[in-house]
N, C-alpha and C. Protein backbone atom coordinates (compact mmCIF):
# COMPACT_ATOMS: atom_id res chain seq x y z
N MET A 1 87.30 65.42 119.32
CA MET A 1 88.77 65.92 118.46
C MET A 1 88.08 67.93 118.19
N THR A 2 89.55 67.71 118.03
CA THR A 2 90.07 69.60 118.07
C THR A 2 90.03 70.17 116.85
N THR A 3 89.52 70.88 116.79
CA THR A 3 89.03 71.30 114.91
C THR A 3 90.35 72.89 115.58
N LEU A 4 91.09 72.68 114.51
CA LEU A 4 92.00 74.27 114.30
C LEU A 4 91.71 75.21 113.35
N LYS A 5 91.33 76.39 113.87
CA LYS A 5 90.53 77.98 113.09
C LYS A 5 92.08 78.65 112.86
N THR A 6 91.38 78.83 111.54
CA THR A 6 92.76 79.97 111.03
C THR A 6 93.23 81.60 112.01
N PRO A 7 93.84 81.92 112.44
CA PRO A 7 92.85 83.27 113.47
C PRO A 7 93.53 83.87 112.22
N ALA A 8 92.33 84.84 112.38
CA ALA A 8 91.87 86.00 111.31
C ALA A 8 91.06 87.34 112.05
N ALA A 9 91.55 88.56 111.04
CA ALA A 9 90.85 89.38 111.59
C ALA A 9 89.14 89.57 110.83
N GLU A 10 88.14 89.70 111.07
CA GLU A 10 87.04 89.80 110.34
C GLU A 10 86.46 90.93 110.90
N ALA A 11 86.00 92.31 109.95
CA ALA A 11 84.90 92.77 110.01
C ALA A 11 83.34 92.75 109.11
N GLN A 12 82.40 93.44 109.59
CA GLN A 12 81.23 92.93 108.44
C GLN A 12 80.23 94.16 108.82
N MET A 13 79.13 94.98 107.73
CA MET A 13 78.57 95.69 107.89
C MET A 13 77.33 96.06 106.84
N LYS A 14 76.42 95.83 107.15
CA LYS A 14 75.31 96.09 106.29
C LYS A 14 75.33 97.66 105.46
N ILE A 15 75.16 97.65 104.45
CA ILE A 15 75.38 98.95 103.25
C ILE A 15 73.92 99.56 102.86
N ARG A 16 73.75 100.73 103.18
CA ARG A 16 71.76 100.33 102.46
C ARG A 16 71.96 100.80 101.26
N LYS A 17 73.20 100.40 99.94
CA LYS A 17 73.05 100.57 98.61
C LYS A 17 73.23 98.69 97.96
N PRO A 18 72.22 99.29 97.04
CA PRO A 18 72.90 97.99 95.62
C PRO A 18 74.13 97.32 95.93
N ILE A 19 73.88 96.21 95.75
CA ILE A 19 75.64 95.22 95.75
C ILE A 19 76.41 95.78 94.89
N ALA A 20 76.28 96.19 93.04
CA ALA A 20 76.82 96.82 92.10
C ALA A 20 77.25 98.29 92.75
N THR A 21 76.79 99.29 93.47
CA THR A 21 77.47 100.24 93.77
C THR A 21 78.10 99.62 95.03
N VAL A 22 78.10 99.09 95.66
CA VAL A 22 79.17 99.01 97.14
C VAL A 22 80.00 98.38 96.62
N PHE A 23 80.20 97.12 95.26
CA PHE A 23 81.12 96.08 94.52
C PHE A 23 81.98 97.46 94.74
N GLN A 24 81.42 98.18 93.60
CA GLN A 24 82.24 99.41 92.30
C GLN A 24 82.77 100.46 93.57
N ALA A 25 82.43 100.91 94.83
CA ALA A 25 83.07 101.52 95.42
C ALA A 25 84.48 100.60 95.89
N PHE A 26 84.72 99.38 96.26
CA PHE A 26 86.03 98.90 96.53
C PHE A 26 86.60 98.24 95.42
N VAL A 27 86.25 98.53 94.09
CA VAL A 27 87.29 98.05 93.20
C VAL A 27 87.75 99.70 92.21
N ASP A 28 87.38 100.64 92.53
CA ASP A 28 87.21 101.72 91.76
C ASP A 28 87.86 103.00 92.69
N PRO A 29 89.38 103.00 92.15
CA PRO A 29 89.53 104.23 93.15
C PRO A 29 88.96 105.88 93.46
N ALA A 30 88.26 106.04 91.74
CA ALA A 30 87.57 107.26 92.49
C ALA A 30 86.72 107.46 93.59
N ILE A 31 85.91 105.95 93.89
CA ILE A 31 85.42 106.06 95.11
C ILE A 31 85.95 105.90 96.06
N THR A 32 86.96 104.83 96.04
CA THR A 32 87.97 104.06 97.60
C THR A 32 88.65 105.06 98.38
N THR A 33 89.00 105.87 97.81
CA THR A 33 88.97 107.24 98.12
C THR A 33 88.76 108.06 98.74
N GLN A 34 87.52 108.23 99.02
CA GLN A 34 86.54 108.73 99.23
C GLN A 34 86.26 108.51 100.84
N PHE A 35 86.12 106.79 100.96
CA PHE A 35 86.73 106.56 102.65
C PHE A 35 87.51 106.12 103.29
N TRP A 36 88.87 105.91 102.49
CA TRP A 36 89.60 104.22 102.51
C TRP A 36 91.00 105.25 102.34
N PHE A 37 91.92 104.72 101.49
CA PHE A 37 93.06 105.15 100.60
C PHE A 37 92.80 106.96 100.05
N THR A 38 94.33 107.61 100.26
CA THR A 38 94.10 108.59 99.53
C THR A 38 94.47 108.35 98.06
N LYS A 39 95.26 107.78 97.59
CA LYS A 39 95.48 107.12 96.27
C LYS A 39 95.76 105.79 96.02
N SER A 40 95.56 105.58 94.78
CA SER A 40 95.77 103.95 94.03
C SER A 40 96.02 104.06 92.90
N SER A 41 97.06 103.26 92.24
CA SER A 41 97.56 102.71 91.18
C SER A 41 96.36 102.32 90.10
N GLY A 42 95.36 102.52 90.56
CA GLY A 42 94.38 102.07 89.48
C GLY A 42 93.40 101.31 90.10
N ILE A 43 92.24 100.93 89.02
CA ILE A 43 90.77 100.15 89.14
C ILE A 43 92.13 98.77 89.39
N LEU A 44 90.93 97.83 90.31
CA LEU A 44 91.21 97.05 91.08
C LEU A 44 90.84 95.85 89.67
N GLU A 45 91.79 95.32 89.38
CA GLU A 45 91.95 94.29 87.91
C GLU A 45 92.61 92.52 88.89
N GLU A 46 91.81 91.65 88.00
CA GLU A 46 92.54 90.36 88.94
C GLU A 46 93.77 89.93 88.08
N GLY A 47 94.52 89.41 88.79
CA GLY A 47 95.94 89.10 88.48
C GLY A 47 96.87 89.91 88.09
N LYS A 48 96.41 91.60 88.61
CA LYS A 48 97.64 92.50 88.78
C LYS A 48 97.59 93.25 90.12
N THR A 49 98.85 94.03 90.33
CA THR A 49 99.19 94.16 91.65
C THR A 49 99.11 95.82 91.66
N PHE A 50 98.87 95.70 92.53
CA PHE A 50 98.23 97.45 92.48
C PHE A 50 98.59 98.38 94.25
N ILE A 51 99.60 99.81 94.14
CA ILE A 51 99.44 100.51 95.25
C ILE A 51 98.58 101.54 95.98
N TRP A 52 99.03 101.15 96.85
CA TRP A 52 97.67 102.25 97.61
C TRP A 52 98.91 103.64 98.58
N GLU A 53 98.28 104.48 99.02
CA GLU A 53 98.92 105.09 99.96
C GLU A 53 97.93 105.97 100.29
N TRP A 54 98.69 106.15 101.92
CA TRP A 54 97.65 107.10 103.10
C TRP A 54 99.32 108.46 102.75
N GLU A 55 98.43 108.98 101.92
CA GLU A 55 99.18 110.36 101.98
C GLU A 55 99.90 111.38 103.14
N MET A 56 98.70 111.84 104.67
CA MET A 56 98.31 111.81 105.46
C MET A 56 99.99 111.31 106.32
N TYR A 57 99.76 109.98 106.13
CA TYR A 57 100.72 109.05 106.99
C TYR A 57 102.22 108.65 106.42
N GLY A 58 102.56 108.86 104.90
CA GLY A 58 103.58 108.69 103.79
C GLY A 58 103.25 106.97 104.78
N ILE A 59 102.45 106.61 104.10
CA ILE A 59 102.52 105.12 104.19
C ILE A 59 101.25 104.34 102.63
N THR A 60 102.20 103.11 101.65
CA THR A 60 101.80 102.74 100.97
C THR A 60 101.70 101.29 100.82
N TRP A 61 100.79 100.89 100.53
CA TRP A 61 100.21 99.13 100.43
C TRP A 61 100.46 98.44 99.34
N LYS A 62 101.34 98.16 99.07
CA LYS A 62 101.06 96.48 97.80
C LYS A 62 100.16 95.20 97.91
N VAL A 63 99.56 95.84 97.23
CA VAL A 63 98.46 94.39 97.35
C VAL A 63 98.56 93.87 95.83
N ASN A 64 98.44 92.22 95.46
CA ASN A 64 97.77 91.35 94.18
C ASN A 64 97.16 91.14 94.43
N VAL A 65 95.93 91.51 93.20
CA VAL A 65 94.27 90.68 93.17
C VAL A 65 94.63 89.91 92.91
N LYS A 66 93.71 88.48 93.37
CA LYS A 66 93.77 86.78 93.19
C LYS A 66 92.79 87.27 92.56
N GLU A 67 92.31 87.72 92.73
CA GLU A 67 90.56 86.94 92.67
C GLU A 67 89.78 88.18 92.77
N ILE A 68 88.66 88.18 91.62
CA ILE A 68 87.98 89.72 91.61
C ILE A 68 86.70 88.21 90.70
N VAL A 69 85.35 88.01 91.29
CA VAL A 69 83.85 87.48 90.78
C VAL A 69 82.88 88.62 90.82
N ASN A 70 82.22 89.39 89.82
CA ASN A 70 81.73 90.77 90.28
C ASN A 70 80.64 90.52 91.24
N ASN A 71 80.56 91.63 91.80
CA ASN A 71 79.40 91.99 92.74
C ASN A 71 79.32 90.84 93.63
N GLN A 72 80.39 90.19 93.92
CA GLN A 72 80.55 88.84 95.61
C GLN A 72 81.55 88.80 95.95
N ARG A 73 82.73 88.82 95.18
CA ARG A 73 84.29 88.76 96.11
C ARG A 73 85.65 89.82 95.70
N ILE A 74 86.19 90.19 96.59
CA ILE A 74 87.54 90.54 96.09
C ILE A 74 88.33 89.72 97.07
N VAL A 75 89.44 89.19 96.27
CA VAL A 75 90.81 88.71 97.20
C VAL A 75 91.46 89.06 96.80
N LEU A 76 92.75 90.21 97.90
CA LEU A 76 93.92 90.22 97.75
C LEU A 76 94.84 89.72 97.76
N ASP A 77 96.15 89.18 97.75
CA ASP A 77 97.71 89.51 98.50
C ASP A 77 98.35 90.54 98.96
N GLU A 78 98.17 90.76 99.99
CA GLU A 78 98.95 91.81 100.69
C GLU A 78 100.52 91.90 101.06
N PHE A 79 101.45 92.23 100.64
CA PHE A 79 103.34 92.35 100.78
C PHE A 79 103.55 94.00 100.89
N PRO A 80 104.76 93.93 102.05
CA PRO A 80 105.89 92.37 102.09
C PRO A 80 104.96 91.16 103.25
N ALA A 81 103.87 92.33 104.41
CA ALA A 81 103.37 91.24 105.32
C ALA A 81 101.82 90.26 104.55
N PRO A 82 103.03 88.67 104.34
CA PRO A 82 101.74 87.72 103.97
C PRO A 82 101.30 87.31 104.07
N THR A 83 99.71 87.88 104.08
CA THR A 83 98.13 88.18 104.11
C THR A 83 97.73 88.30 103.01
N THR A 84 96.12 87.68 103.08
CA THR A 84 95.21 87.49 102.54
C THR A 84 94.44 88.01 102.75
N ILE A 85 93.26 89.12 101.69
CA ILE A 85 92.25 89.85 102.64
C ILE A 85 91.17 89.23 101.11
N GLU A 86 89.84 88.99 102.02
CA GLU A 86 88.86 88.93 101.81
C GLU A 86 87.77 89.61 101.15
N PHE A 87 86.87 90.03 100.87
CA PHE A 87 86.28 90.73 101.08
C PHE A 87 84.79 89.90 100.24
N ASN A 88 83.80 89.86 101.26
CA ASN A 88 82.22 88.86 100.30
C ASN A 88 81.00 89.97 100.03
N PHE A 89 81.11 90.02 99.23
CA PHE A 89 79.40 91.11 99.42
C PHE A 89 78.20 90.27 98.57
N LYS A 90 77.15 90.61 99.85
CA LYS A 90 76.10 89.37 99.57
C LYS A 90 74.69 90.57 99.57
N THR A 91 73.69 90.16 98.75
CA THR A 91 72.20 90.81 98.43
C THR A 91 71.68 90.31 99.35
N LEU A 92 71.20 91.01 100.23
CA LEU A 92 70.32 90.88 101.84
C LEU A 92 68.33 90.79 101.40
N SER A 93 67.62 90.76 101.75
CA SER A 93 66.48 90.83 101.57
C SER A 93 65.53 92.49 100.48
N ASP A 94 66.41 92.76 101.63
CA ASP A 94 65.91 94.27 101.26
C ASP A 94 66.15 95.46 99.88
N GLY A 95 67.38 94.38 99.40
CA GLY A 95 68.17 94.50 98.34
C GLY A 95 69.22 94.86 98.75
N PHE A 96 69.10 95.19 99.96
CA PHE A 96 70.85 95.94 100.32
C PHE A 96 72.04 94.92 100.36
N THR A 97 73.35 94.98 100.63
CA THR A 97 74.89 94.68 100.50
C THR A 97 75.05 94.48 102.05
N TYR A 98 75.48 93.37 102.05
CA TYR A 98 76.31 93.31 103.47
C TYR A 98 77.47 92.51 102.71
N VAL A 99 78.53 93.23 103.59
CA VAL A 99 79.91 93.50 102.89
C VAL A 99 81.29 92.74 104.63
N THR A 100 81.58 91.59 103.84
CA THR A 100 82.01 91.09 105.53
C THR A 100 83.93 91.10 104.14
N VAL A 101 84.74 91.78 105.85
CA VAL A 101 85.99 91.59 104.85
C VAL A 101 86.65 90.86 106.03
N LYS A 102 87.58 89.79 105.69
CA LYS A 102 88.38 88.30 106.37
C LYS A 102 89.76 88.67 106.19
N GLN A 103 90.74 88.78 106.90
CA GLN A 103 92.13 89.15 106.76
C GLN A 103 92.58 88.12 107.62
N TYR A 104 93.91 87.60 106.76
CA TYR A 104 93.82 85.97 107.22
C TYR A 104 95.49 85.77 106.67
N GLY A 105 96.73 85.14 107.45
CA GLY A 105 98.08 84.22 107.10
C GLY A 105 99.00 84.69 107.70
N PHE A 106 98.54 85.93 108.87
CA PHE A 106 99.61 86.03 109.89
C PHE A 106 100.61 85.55 110.36
N LYS A 107 101.90 85.63 110.31
CA LYS A 107 102.58 84.99 110.74
C LYS A 107 103.48 85.16 112.41
N GLU A 108 102.38 86.02 112.60
CA GLU A 108 102.71 87.11 114.10
C GLU A 108 102.89 84.95 114.94
N THR A 109 103.09 85.05 116.01
CA THR A 109 102.54 83.98 116.77
C THR A 109 102.17 84.92 118.61
N GLY A 110 101.24 84.02 118.90
CA GLY A 110 101.27 84.65 120.69
C GLY A 110 100.67 86.16 120.86
N ASP A 111 100.56 86.56 121.67
CA ASP A 111 101.00 87.98 121.98
C ASP A 111 100.69 89.33 120.37
N ASP A 112 102.23 88.78 120.12
CA ASP A 112 101.96 89.53 118.95
C ASP A 112 100.84 89.37 117.78
N LEU A 113 100.14 88.26 117.94
CA LEU A 113 99.57 87.83 116.78
C LEU A 113 98.22 88.54 117.38
N LEU A 114 98.10 88.32 118.26
CA LEU A 114 96.51 89.31 118.77
C LEU A 114 97.04 90.85 118.91
N GLU A 115 97.20 91.16 118.81
CA GLU A 115 97.52 92.77 118.55
C GLU A 115 97.72 92.74 116.81
N LYS A 116 98.19 91.68 116.52
CA LYS A 116 98.23 92.22 115.35
C LYS A 116 96.20 91.47 114.43
N ILE A 117 96.34 90.53 115.30
CA ILE A 117 94.53 90.77 114.83
C ILE A 117 93.22 92.30 115.44
N LYS A 118 93.48 92.20 116.40
CA LYS A 118 92.46 93.42 117.11
C LYS A 118 93.01 94.61 116.23
N ASP A 119 94.07 94.89 115.71
CA ASP A 119 94.51 96.42 114.78
C ASP A 119 93.69 95.86 113.68
N ALA A 120 94.19 95.05 113.07
CA ALA A 120 93.21 94.70 111.95
C ALA A 120 91.41 95.07 111.62
N THR A 121 91.30 93.85 112.86
CA THR A 121 89.81 93.93 113.33
C THR A 121 89.47 95.72 113.11
N GLY A 122 90.18 95.99 114.00
CA GLY A 122 89.52 97.93 114.55
C GLY A 122 90.21 98.37 112.76
N GLY A 123 90.65 98.03 111.96
CA GLY A 123 91.13 99.28 110.75
C GLY A 123 90.16 98.57 109.72
N TRP A 124 89.67 97.01 109.43
CA TRP A 124 89.31 96.94 108.63
C TRP A 124 87.01 97.65 109.19
N THR A 125 86.85 97.43 110.29
CA THR A 125 85.67 98.12 110.80
C THR A 125 86.05 99.39 111.01
N THR A 126 86.51 100.45 110.41
CA THR A 126 86.89 101.33 110.59
C THR A 126 86.19 101.97 108.95
N VAL A 127 86.95 100.54 107.77
CA VAL A 127 87.05 101.20 106.94
C VAL A 127 85.74 100.88 106.06
N LEU A 128 85.01 100.10 106.84
CA LEU A 128 84.02 99.44 106.45
C LEU A 128 82.35 100.37 106.94
N ASP A 129 83.03 101.53 108.10
CA ASP A 129 82.06 102.04 108.79
C ASP A 129 82.03 103.54 107.72
N GLY A 130 83.51 103.76 107.54
CA GLY A 130 83.96 104.61 106.00
C GLY A 130 82.90 104.71 105.15
N ALA A 131 82.95 103.25 104.48
CA ALA A 131 82.09 103.22 102.89
C ALA A 131 80.74 103.30 103.55
N LYS A 132 80.31 103.20 104.98
CA LYS A 132 78.34 102.83 104.70
C LYS A 132 78.12 104.48 104.62
N ALA A 133 78.84 105.42 105.59
CA ALA A 133 78.78 106.39 105.87
C ALA A 133 78.29 107.24 104.29
N PHE A 134 79.89 107.15 103.21
CA PHE A 134 80.26 107.43 101.64
C PHE A 134 78.71 107.30 101.11
N LEU A 135 78.78 106.30 101.12
CA LEU A 135 77.76 105.25 99.97
C LEU A 135 76.23 106.09 99.92
N GLU A 136 76.00 105.52 101.68
CA GLU A 136 74.92 106.02 101.73
C GLU A 136 74.54 107.75 102.03
N TYR A 137 74.84 107.89 102.91
CA TYR A 137 74.80 109.53 102.90
C TYR A 137 75.73 111.07 102.51
N HIS A 138 76.76 110.30 101.44
CA HIS A 138 77.68 110.94 101.00
C HIS A 138 78.61 111.72 101.90
N ILE A 139 78.35 111.67 103.24
CA ILE A 139 79.36 111.94 104.50
C ILE A 139 80.99 111.67 103.90
N HIS A 140 81.49 112.07 103.96
CA HIS A 140 83.44 112.09 104.42
C HIS A 140 83.43 112.06 106.03
N LEU A 141 83.58 111.33 106.74
CA LEU A 141 83.90 111.34 108.62
C LEU A 141 84.94 111.66 108.15
N ASN A 142 85.94 111.11 107.16
CA ASN A 142 87.41 111.48 108.00
C ASN A 142 88.23 110.74 109.10
N LEU A 143 87.88 109.20 109.22
CA LEU A 143 87.81 108.16 109.97
C LEU A 143 89.25 108.35 109.53
N ILE A 144 89.73 107.52 108.58
CA ILE A 144 91.13 107.11 108.47
C ILE A 144 92.46 108.06 108.60
N ALA A 145 91.78 109.72 108.76
CA ALA A 145 92.69 110.58 108.25
C ALA A 145 92.51 111.00 109.85
N ASP A 146 91.97 110.85 110.16
CA ASP A 146 91.59 111.26 111.96
C ASP A 146 92.17 110.08 113.20
N LYS A 147 92.23 108.50 112.74
CA LYS A 147 92.63 107.94 113.24
C LYS A 147 93.98 107.81 114.24
N PHE A 148 95.15 108.51 113.49
CA PHE A 148 96.05 108.03 113.65
C PHE A 148 96.50 109.74 114.05
N PRO A 149 95.86 111.35 114.88
CA PRO A 149 96.24 112.01 114.20
C PRO A 149 97.93 112.17 115.05
N LYS A 150 98.84 113.13 114.37
CA LYS A 150 100.61 113.40 114.22
C LYS A 150 101.00 112.97 115.56
N GLU A 151 100.31 114.41 116.57
CA GLU A 151 100.36 114.25 117.76
C GLU A 151 100.29 113.60 118.59
N LEU A 152 99.79 112.50 118.21
CA LEU A 152 99.80 110.96 119.14
C LEU A 152 100.38 109.60 118.90
N SER A 153 101.10 109.34 117.86
CA SER A 153 100.77 108.44 117.32
C SER A 153 102.32 108.57 116.23
N ASN A 154 102.83 107.78 116.11
CA ASN A 154 103.94 107.39 115.29
C ASN A 154 103.81 106.78 114.43
N HIS A 155 102.22 106.73 113.88
CA HIS A 155 102.19 106.03 112.69
C HIS A 155 103.18 106.25 111.23
N GLY A 156 103.66 106.01 110.48
CA GLY A 156 103.57 106.89 108.99
C GLY A 156 104.77 107.57 109.39
N GLN A 157 105.59 107.31 110.67
CA GLN A 157 106.51 108.67 110.80
C GLN A 157 107.96 108.02 111.35
């Protein structure tokens, strides 16, 4: 018997901070803007829709918060692309936090699906790397801003 798995992008990272600190960093745009998007329409709340902006690229992303379980889980639906993003937070035995991000629900197939999953996995890895650097060392690595230099890409143009 063959079990079919839902195609998904996934990234994960241990962040050497308590779970409440890490969780808050993904809910509160005053913190999130230090390592991910540059603007947000507000602090995440379950059942509400938010707009995130990356001003350097002229890109906005609309997300609906489906679920928030404090210090455990955030589930978002993005649109116009109809995918779901799950952030899961787990306390490790050393008191630090393990964050997993999973995105699924892609409508593409074949090579287009593979490209979407590859790009999303790389993007989530970059977000988690930036979160780790900022939360652990208060370093702004500019990972998102430097990912697509305008001289080399047409992202957001």
